[in-house]
Amino acid sequence: EAVGTRHAIPMALKNLARDMLGLYLRVGGMPEAMARWVETEDLTAARLVHHDLLQSLSEDLHKYQGLRDPGYLEAAFESLRHHYGARFKYANFAPGYRSQLMHAALSKMESAHLTRALPTSSLEIPCVMRPRSAPKLLPLDTALALTSMGYDARELARSPIDTALGGRVAEMFVGQELLSVTDSSEDLYFWVSESSRANAEVDFLVPHENQLLPIEVKTSAAGSLKSLHQFL
């Protein structure tokens, strides 16, 4: 009953919610992986489903037509795991591949719900993408991303999931949640202020009642939120 009110949420409920969130991040939201977990309560069994799904996605790359060099799709798919939850440049997304064709390959893969959060320096609606500024890569499913990165299932079960990859897993999850409640035709943005003197970044911006609400993802109480204050 405390959720959605001004009352403090009991610590026992917080701990339970945290444990359930950690389980979701490890198992993911893909139906077959979830079904395998419900049946076995074995993270390794769910992870085998993730491997099968990744293999199927790799084999389906030939269905994406329209590129002069289909090898760019294969290189893009193989390099995704190095960039999840981080900002990237097309020029060095996959070593040895031209940025223009890599941009086209990643755009093709967006039809499979690969998502790029876009940088903006806007302070009001509508957001305008900041030119020549690096976007941020969000995966379809956090558990699939962790599998593709080679995280061991047993090690994941023992470690705090929200701090994995320096907190990038938590940011990926929040990005996915924001995308799930927004119109599919709308882009997801994050705020940047880039200059020769200093850079600032706020993880996400959400339109609300003709304003932009900044969202900063933190896995602990540490930090001064300088970028958030700069935005405000």
C-alpha atoms as a PDB file:
ATOM      1  CA  GLU A   1       0.000   0.000   0.000  1.00  0.00           C
ATOM      2  CA  ALA A   2       2.997   2.291   0.474  1.00  0.00           C
ATOM      3  CA  VAL A   3       3.760   2.242  -3.270  1.00  0.00           C
ATOM      4  CA  GLY A   4       2.329   5.323  -4.927  1.00  0.00           C
ATOM      5  CA  THR A   5       1.912   7.178  -1.626  1.00  0.00           C
ATOM      6  CA  ARG A   6       4.086   9.584   0.307  1.00  0.00           C
ATOM      7  CA  HIS A   7       4.832   6.934   2.938  1.00  0.00           C
ATOM      8  CA  ALA A   8       8.222   5.247   3.067  1.00  0.00           C
ATOM      9  CA  ILE A   9       8.298   1.803   1.452  1.00  0.00           C
ATOM     10  CA  PRO A  10       9.145  -0.892   4.049  1.00  0.00           C
ATOM     11  CA  MET A  11      12.709  -2.198   3.741  1.00  0.00           C
ATOM     12  CA  ALA A  12      11.485  -5.791   3.418  1.00  0.00           C
ATOM     13  CA  LEU A  13       9.403  -4.817   0.381  1.00  0.00           C
ATOM     14  CA  LYS A  14      12.342  -2.894  -1.098  1.00  0.00           C
ATOM     15  CA  ASN A  15      14.606  -5.917  -0.726  1.00  0.00           C
ATOM     16  CA  LEU A  16      12.009  -8.214  -2.282  1.00  0.00           C
ATOM     17  CA  ALA A  17      11.516  -5.863  -5.224  1.00  0.00           C
ATOM     18  CA  ARG A  18      15.277  -5.594  -5.701  1.00  0.00           C
ATOM     19  CA  ASP A  19      15.647  -9.381  -5.711  1.00  0.00           C
ATOM     20  CA  MET A  20      12.823  -9.771  -8.239  1.00  0.00           C
ATOM     21  CA  LEU A  21      14.319  -7.078 -10.463  1.00  0.00           C
ATOM     22  CA  GLY A  22      17.685  -8.831 -10.359  1.00  0.00           C
ATOM     23  CA  LEU A  23      16.009 -12.072 -11.381  1.00  0.00           C
ATOM     24  CA  TYR A  24      14.230 -10.372 -14.263  1.00  0.00           C
ATOM     25  CA  LEU A  25      17.470  -8.809 -15.519  1.00  0.00           C
ATOM     26  CA  ARG A  26      19.133 -12.231 -15.502  1.00  0.00           C
ATOM     27  CA  VAL A  27      16.264 -14.196 -17.072  1.00  0.00           C
ATOM     28  CA  GLY A  28      14.976 -11.436 -19.346  1.00  0.00           C
ATOM     29  CA  GLY A  29      11.575 -11.001 -20.923  1.00  0.00           C
ATOM     30  CA  MET A  30      11.798 -13.383 -23.890  1.00  0.00           C
ATOM     31  CA  PRO A  31       8.817 -15.771 -23.531  1.00  0.00           C
ATOM     32  CA  GLU A  32      10.715 -19.040 -24.031  1.00  0.00           C
ATOM     33  CA  ALA A  33      13.467 -18.069 -21.586  1.00  0.00           C
ATOM     34  CA  MET A  34      10.874 -17.063 -18.999  1.00  0.00           C
ATOM     35  CA  ALA A  35       8.995 -20.331 -19.487  1.00  0.00           C
ATOM     36  CA  ARG A  36      12.205 -22.324 -19.027  1.00  0.00           C
ATOM     37  CA  TRP A  37      12.923 -20.471 -15.765  1.00  0.00           C
ATOM     38  CA  VAL A  38       9.399 -21.059 -14.450  1.00  0.00           C
ATOM     39  CA  GLU A  39       9.754 -24.747 -15.271  1.00  0.00           C
ATOM     40  CA  THR A  40      13.260 -25.321 -13.868  1.00  0.00           C
ATOM     41  CA  GLU A  41      14.221 -22.260 -11.743  1.00  0.00           C
ATOM     42  CA  ASP A  42      17.641 -22.800 -13.324  1.00  0.00           C
ATOM     43  CA  LEU A  43      19.415 -19.741 -14.713  1.00  0.00           C
ATOM     44  CA  THR A  44      21.684 -21.954 -16.831  1.00  0.00           C
ATOM     45  CA  ALA A  45      18.630 -23.459 -18.556  1.00  0.00           C
ATOM     46  CA  ALA A  46      17.293 -19.999 -19.358  1.00  0.00           C
ATOM     47  CA  ARG A  47      20.743 -19.005 -20.612  1.00  0.00           C
ATOM     48  CA  LEU A  48      20.690 -21.903 -23.109  1.00  0.00           C
ATOM     49  CA  VAL A  49      17.516 -20.383 -24.591  1.00  0.00           C
ATOM     50  CA  HIS A  50      19.313 -17.045 -24.893  1.00  0.00           C
ATOM     51  CA  HIS A  51      22.137 -18.712 -26.843  1.00  0.00           C
ATOM     52  CA  ASP A  52      19.624 -20.356 -29.176  1.00  0.00           C
ATOM     53  CA  LEU A  53      17.851 -17.031 -29.760  1.00  0.00           C
ATOM     54  CA  LEU A  54      21.119 -15.253 -30.537  1.00  0.00           C
ATOM     55  CA  GLN A  55      22.033 -17.993 -33.000  1.00  0.00           C
ATOM     56  CA  SER A  56      18.636 -17.664 -34.695  1.00  0.00           C
ATOM     57  CA  LEU A  57      19.024 -13.889 -34.948  1.00  0.00           C
ATOM     58  CA  SER A  58      22.451 -14.326 -36.499  1.00  0.00           C
ATOM     59  CA  GLU A  59      21.112 -16.804 -39.066  1.00  0.00           C
ATOM     60  CA  ASP A  60      18.250 -14.430 -39.967  1.00  0.00           C
ATOM     61  CA  LEU A  61      20.556 -11.592 -41.021  1.00  0.00           C
ATOM     62  CA  HIS A  62      20.226 -12.581 -44.695  1.00  0.00           C
ATOM     63  CA  LYS A  63      16.587 -11.446 -44.551  1.00  0.00           C
ATOM     64  CA  TYR A  64      17.654  -7.806 -44.273  1.00  0.00           C
ATOM     65  CA  GLN A  65      18.023  -6.713 -47.875  1.00  0.00           C
ATOM     66  CA  GLY A  66      19.114  -3.450 -49.453  1.00  0.00           C
ATOM     67  CA  LEU A  67      22.748  -3.124 -48.374  1.00  0.00           C
ATOM     68  CA  ARG A  68      25.548  -3.057 -50.911  1.00  0.00           C
ATOM     69  CA  ASP A  69      27.694  -5.208 -48.637  1.00  0.00           C
ATOM     70  CA  PRO A  70      25.770  -7.697 -46.445  1.00  0.00           C
ATOM     71  CA  GLY A  71      28.983  -8.270 -44.496  1.00  0.00           C
ATOM     72  CA  TYR A  72      28.228  -5.005 -42.701  1.00  0.00           C
ATOM     73  CA  LEU A  73      25.166  -6.573 -41.085  1.00  0.00           C
ATOM     74  CA  GLU A  74      27.232  -9.467 -39.780  1.00  0.00           C
ATOM     75  CA  ALA A  75      29.914  -7.113 -38.465  1.00  0.00           C
ATOM     76  CA  ALA A  76      27.303  -4.877 -36.856  1.00  0.00           C
ATOM     77  CA  PHE A  77      25.562  -7.814 -35.159  1.00  0.00           C
ATOM     78  CA  GLU A  78      28.849  -9.205 -33.846  1.00  0.00           C
ATOM     79  CA  SER A  79      29.891  -5.798 -32.483  1.00  0.00           C
ATOM     80  CA  LEU A  80      26.626  -4.989 -30.688  1.00  0.00           C
ATOM     81  CA  ARG A  81      27.807  -6.612 -27.462  1.00  0.00           C
ATOM     82  CA  HIS A  82      30.714  -4.174 -27.169  1.00  0.00           C
ATOM     83  CA  HIS A  83      28.460  -1.102 -27.177  1.00  0.00           C
ATOM     84  CA  TYR A  84      25.291  -1.963 -25.229  1.00  0.00           C
ATOM     85  CA  GLY A  85      24.391   0.757 -22.745  1.00  0.00           C
ATOM     86  CA  ALA A  86      27.139   3.048 -24.015  1.00  0.00           C
ATOM     87  CA  ARG A  87      27.536   5.849 -26.520  1.00  0.00           C
ATOM     88  CA  PHE A  88      29.165   4.894 -29.802  1.00  0.00           C
ATOM     89  CA  LYS A  89      30.411   6.313 -33.074  1.00  0.00           C
ATOM     90  CA  TYR A  90      29.611   4.647 -36.387  1.00  0.00           C
ATOM     91  CA  ALA A  91      33.208   5.148 -37.534  1.00  0.00           C
ATOM     92  CA  ASN A  92      34.587   2.740 -34.918  1.00  0.00           C
ATOM     93  CA  PHE A  93      31.547   0.562 -34.247  1.00  0.00           C
ATOM     94  CA  ALA A  94      33.282  -2.352 -35.998  1.00  0.00           C
ATOM     95  CA  PRO A  95      36.992  -1.914 -36.832  1.00  0.00           C
ATOM     96  CA  GLY A  96      37.686  -1.688 -40.548  1.00  0.00           C
ATOM     97  CA  TYR A  97      34.124  -0.832 -41.634  1.00  0.00           C
ATOM     98  CA  ARG A  98      33.058   2.497 -43.119  1.00  0.00           C
ATOM     99  CA  SER A  99      30.784   4.647 -40.972  1.00  0.00           C
ATOM    100  CA  GLN A 100      28.199   5.362 -43.690  1.00  0.00           C
ATOM    101  CA  LEU A 101      27.516   1.694 -44.419  1.00  0.00           C
ATOM    102  CA  MET A 102      27.633   0.809 -40.718  1.00  0.00           C
ATOM    103  CA  HIS A 103      24.987   3.477 -40.104  1.00  0.00           C
ATOM    104  CA  ALA A 104      22.823   1.844 -42.797  1.00  0.00           C
ATOM    105  CA  ALA A 105      23.346  -1.629 -41.287  1.00  0.00           C
ATOM    106  CA  LEU A 106      22.312  -0.523 -37.803  1.00  0.00           C
ATOM    107  CA  SER A 107      19.295   1.299 -39.229  1.00  0.00           C
ATOM    108  CA  LYS A 108      18.218  -1.953 -40.888  1.00  0.00           C
ATOM    109  CA  MET A 109      18.516  -3.764 -37.578  1.00  0.00           C
ATOM    110  CA  GLU A 110      16.207  -1.259 -35.887  1.00  0.00           C
ATOM    111  CA  SER A 111      13.323  -3.110 -37.537  1.00  0.00           C
ATOM    112  CA  ALA A 112      14.200  -5.917 -35.073  1.00  0.00           C
ATOM    113  CA  HIS A 113      13.794  -3.448 -32.195  1.00  0.00           C
ATOM    114  CA  LEU A 114      17.431  -2.578 -31.756  1.00  0.00           C
ATOM    115  CA  THR A 115      17.198   0.896 -30.259  1.00  0.00           C
ATOM    116  CA  ARG A 116      19.364   3.967 -30.298  1.00  0.00           C
ATOM    117  CA  ALA A 117      18.728   6.680 -27.702  1.00  0.00           C
ATOM    118  CA  LEU A 118      19.496   9.977 -29.416  1.00  0.00           C
ATOM    119  CA  PRO A 119      21.547  12.881 -28.025  1.00  0.00           C
ATOM    120  CA  THR A 120      19.954  16.308 -27.745  1.00  0.00           C
ATOM    121  CA  SER A 121      20.829  19.655 -26.234  1.00  0.00           C
ATOM    122  CA  SER A 122      17.198  20.773 -26.268  1.00  0.00           C
ATOM    123  CA  LEU A 123      15.744  22.186 -23.075  1.00  0.00           C
ATOM    124  CA  GLU A 124      12.125  22.130 -24.247  1.00  0.00           C
ATOM    125  CA  ILE A 125       9.819  20.150 -26.530  1.00  0.00           C
ATOM    126  CA  PRO A 126      10.364  19.137 -29.308  1.00  0.00           C
ATOM    127  CA  CYS A 127      13.765  17.535 -28.868  1.00  0.00           C
ATOM    128  CA  VAL A 128      16.163  17.990 -31.755  1.00  0.00           C
ATOM    129  CA  MET A 129      18.991  15.520 -32.262  1.00  0.00           C
ATOM    130  CA  ARG A 130      22.406  17.072 -31.696  1.00  0.00           C
ATOM    131  CA  PRO A 131      24.383  16.708 -34.943  1.00  0.00           C
ATOM    132  CA  ARG A 132      27.671  14.796 -34.942  1.00  0.00           C
ATOM    133  CA  SER A 133      27.060  13.661 -31.365  1.00  0.00           C
ATOM    134  CA  ALA A 134      27.270   9.980 -30.437  1.00  0.00           C
ATOM    135  CA  PRO A 135      23.994   8.095 -29.773  1.00  0.00           C
ATOM    136  CA  LYS A 136      23.530   5.427 -27.105  1.00  0.00           C
ATOM    137  CA  LEU A 137      22.803   1.754 -27.859  1.00  0.00           C
ATOM    138  CA  LEU A 138      20.007  -0.098 -26.026  1.00  0.00           C
ATOM    139  CA  PRO A 139      19.387  -3.845 -26.480  1.00  0.00           C
ATOM    140  CA  LEU A 140      16.088  -5.601 -27.081  1.00  0.00           C
ATOM    141  CA  ASP A 141      16.505  -7.622 -23.889  1.00  0.00           C
ATOM    142  CA  THR A 142      18.971  -7.163 -21.032  1.00  0.00           C
ATOM    143  CA  ALA A 143      19.472 -10.896 -20.448  1.00  0.00           C
ATOM    144  CA  LEU A 144      20.161 -11.469 -24.159  1.00  0.00           C
ATOM    145  CA  ALA A 145      22.715  -8.654 -24.038  1.00  0.00           C
ATOM    146  CA  LEU A 146      24.462 -10.147 -21.001  1.00  0.00           C
ATOM    147  CA  THR A 147      24.559 -13.555 -22.690  1.00  0.00           C
ATOM    148  CA  SER A 148      26.081 -12.093 -25.848  1.00  0.00           C
ATOM    149  CA  MET A 149      28.728 -10.416 -23.687  1.00  0.00           C
ATOM    150  CA  GLY A 150      29.752 -13.791 -22.288  1.00  0.00           C
ATOM    151  CA  TYR A 151      28.701 -13.287 -18.667  1.00  0.00           C
ATOM    152  CA  ASP A 152      28.744 -16.604 -16.817  1.00  0.00           C
ATOM    153  CA  ALA A 153      25.320 -17.592 -15.454  1.00  0.00           C
ATOM    154  CA  ARG A 154      26.674 -18.726 -12.076  1.00  0.00           C
ATOM    155  CA  GLU A 155      28.744 -15.576 -11.656  1.00  0.00           C
ATOM    156  CA  LEU A 156      25.718 -13.419 -12.510  1.00  0.00           C
ATOM    157  CA  ALA A 157      23.684 -15.225  -9.852  1.00  0.00           C
ATOM    158  CA  ARG A 158      26.273 -14.302  -7.210  1.00  0.00           C
ATOM    159  CA  SER A 159      26.998 -10.683  -8.178  1.00  0.00           C
ATOM    160  CA  PRO A 160      24.875  -7.520  -7.784  1.00  0.00           C
ATOM    161  CA  ILE A 161      23.283  -7.235 -11.217  1.00  0.00           C
ATOM    162  CA  ASP A 162      22.540  -3.510 -11.060  1.00  0.00           C
ATOM    163  CA  THR A 163      26.241  -2.636 -10.846  1.00  0.00           C
ATOM    164  CA  ALA A 164      27.274  -4.835 -13.797  1.00  0.00           C
ATOM    165  CA  LEU A 165      29.222  -3.035 -16.526  1.00  0.00           C
ATOM    166  CA  GLY A 166      29.730  -0.057 -14.250  1.00  0.00           C
ATOM    167  CA  GLY A 167      25.980   0.481 -13.885  1.00  0.00           C
ATOM    168  CA  ARG A 168      25.243   0.276 -17.613  1.00  0.00           C
ATOM    169  CA  VAL A 169      22.865  -2.677 -17.073  1.00  0.00           C
ATOM    170  CA  ALA A 170      20.657  -0.527 -14.846  1.00  0.00           C
ATOM    171  CA  GLU A 171      20.628   2.205 -17.494  1.00  0.00           C
ATOM    172  CA  MET A 172      19.745  -0.318 -20.225  1.00  0.00           C
ATOM    173  CA  PHE A 173      16.831  -1.567 -18.133  1.00  0.00           C
ATOM    174  CA  VAL A 174      15.455   1.924 -17.475  1.00  0.00           C
ATOM    175  CA  GLY A 175      15.738   2.744 -21.185  1.00  0.00           C
ATOM    176  CA  GLN A 176      13.775  -0.389 -22.064  1.00  0.00           C
ATOM    177  CA  GLU A 177      11.072   0.476 -19.543  1.00  0.00           C
ATOM    178  CA  LEU A 178      10.735   4.007 -20.909  1.00  0.00           C
ATOM    179  CA  LEU A 179      10.453   2.664 -24.452  1.00  0.00           C
ATOM    180  CA  SER A 180       7.729   0.227 -23.370  1.00  0.00           C
ATOM    181  CA  VAL A 181       5.439   3.080 -22.266  1.00  0.00           C
ATOM    182  CA  THR A 182       6.063   5.500 -25.133  1.00  0.00           C
ATOM    183  CA  ASP A 183       4.603   5.669 -28.606  1.00  0.00           C
ATOM    184  CA  SER A 184       6.569   3.416 -30.970  1.00  0.00           C
ATOM    185  CA  SER A 185       6.914   6.314 -33.416  1.00  0.00           C
ATOM    186  CA  GLU A 186       8.664   8.504 -30.824  1.00  0.00           C
ATOM    187  CA  ASP A 187      12.418   8.568 -30.323  1.00  0.00           C
ATOM    188  CA  LEU A 188      14.037   8.263 -26.908  1.00  0.00           C
ATOM    189  CA  TYR A 189      16.469  11.061 -26.087  1.00  0.00           C
ATOM    190  CA  PHE A 190      19.185  11.818 -23.565  1.00  0.00           C
ATOM    191  CA  TRP A 191      20.601  15.271 -22.828  1.00  0.00           C
ATOM    192  CA  VAL A 192      24.175  16.338 -23.521  1.00  0.00           C
ATOM    193  CA  SER A 193      26.154  19.518 -23.143  1.00  0.00           C
ATOM    194  CA  GLU A 194      29.505  19.197 -24.895  1.00  0.00           C
ATOM    195  CA  SER A 195      32.193  21.866 -25.011  1.00  0.00           C
ATOM    196  CA  SER A 196      35.974  22.170 -24.954  1.00  0.00           C
ATOM    197  CA  ARG A 197      35.810  22.989 -21.246  1.00  0.00           C
ATOM    198  CA  ALA A 198      33.451  20.337 -19.847  1.00  0.00           C
ATOM    199  CA  ASN A 199      30.854  17.756 -20.818  1.00  0.00           C
ATOM    200  CA  ALA A 200      27.573  16.934 -19.090  1.00  0.00           C
ATOM    201  CA  GLU A 201      25.032  14.160 -19.733  1.00  0.00           C
ATOM    202  CA  VAL A 202      21.608  13.297 -18.316  1.00  0.00           C
ATOM    203  CA  ASP A 203      20.623   9.691 -18.981  1.00  0.00           C
ATOM    204  CA  PHE A 204      17.127  10.213 -20.420  1.00  0.00           C
ATOM    205  CA  LEU A 205      14.554  12.910 -21.183  1.00  0.00           C
ATOM    206  CA  VAL A 206      10.819  12.208 -21.066  1.00  0.00           C
ATOM    207  CA  PRO A 207       8.155  14.614 -22.413  1.00  0.00           C
ATOM    208  CA  HIS A 208       5.480  15.332 -19.821  1.00  0.00           C
ATOM    209  CA  GLU A 209       2.798  18.050 -19.959  1.00  0.00           C
ATOM    210  CA  ASN A 210       4.736  20.139 -22.485  1.00  0.00           C
ATOM    211  CA  GLN A 211       7.937  19.922 -20.469  1.00  0.00           C
ATOM    212  CA  LEU A 212      11.005  17.703 -20.488  1.00  0.00           C
ATOM    213  CA  LEU A 213      11.588  15.634 -17.369  1.00  0.00           C
ATOM    214  CA  PRO A 214      15.236  14.611 -16.866  1.00  0.00           C
ATOM    215  CA  ILE A 215      15.898  11.093 -15.578  1.00  0.00           C
ATOM    216  CA  GLU A 216      19.228  10.132 -14.047  1.00  0.00           C
ATOM    217  CA  VAL A 217      19.907   6.424 -13.360  1.00  0.00           C
ATOM    218  CA  LYS A 218      21.994   5.670 -10.277  1.00  0.00           C
ATOM    219  CA  THR A 219      22.862   2.324  -8.676  1.00  0.00           C
ATOM    220  CA  SER A 220      23.832   3.931  -5.358  1.00  0.00           C
ATOM    221  CA  ALA A 221      23.357   7.124  -3.382  1.00  0.00           C
ATOM    222  CA  ALA A 222      26.853   8.316  -4.295  1.00  0.00           C
ATOM    223  CA  GLY A 223      27.391  11.175  -6.723  1.00  0.00           C
ATOM    224  CA  SER A 224      26.576  14.872  -6.885  1.00  0.00           C
ATOM    225  CA  LEU A 225      24.220  14.874  -9.911  1.00  0.00           C
ATOM    226  CA  LYS A 226      26.119  17.790 -11.477  1.00  0.00           C
ATOM    227  CA  SER A 227      24.742  17.111 -14.957  1.00  0.00           C
ATOM    228  CA  LEU A 228      21.169  17.022 -13.665  1.00  0.00           C
ATOM    229  CA  HIS A 229      21.636  20.345 -11.882  1.00  0.00           C
ATOM    230  CA  GLN A 230      23.190  21.819 -15.017  1.00  0.00           C
ATOM    231  CA  PHE A 231      20.156  20.761 -17.052  1.00  0.00           C
ATOM    232  CA  LEU A 232      17.793  22.275 -14.492  1.00  0.00           C
END
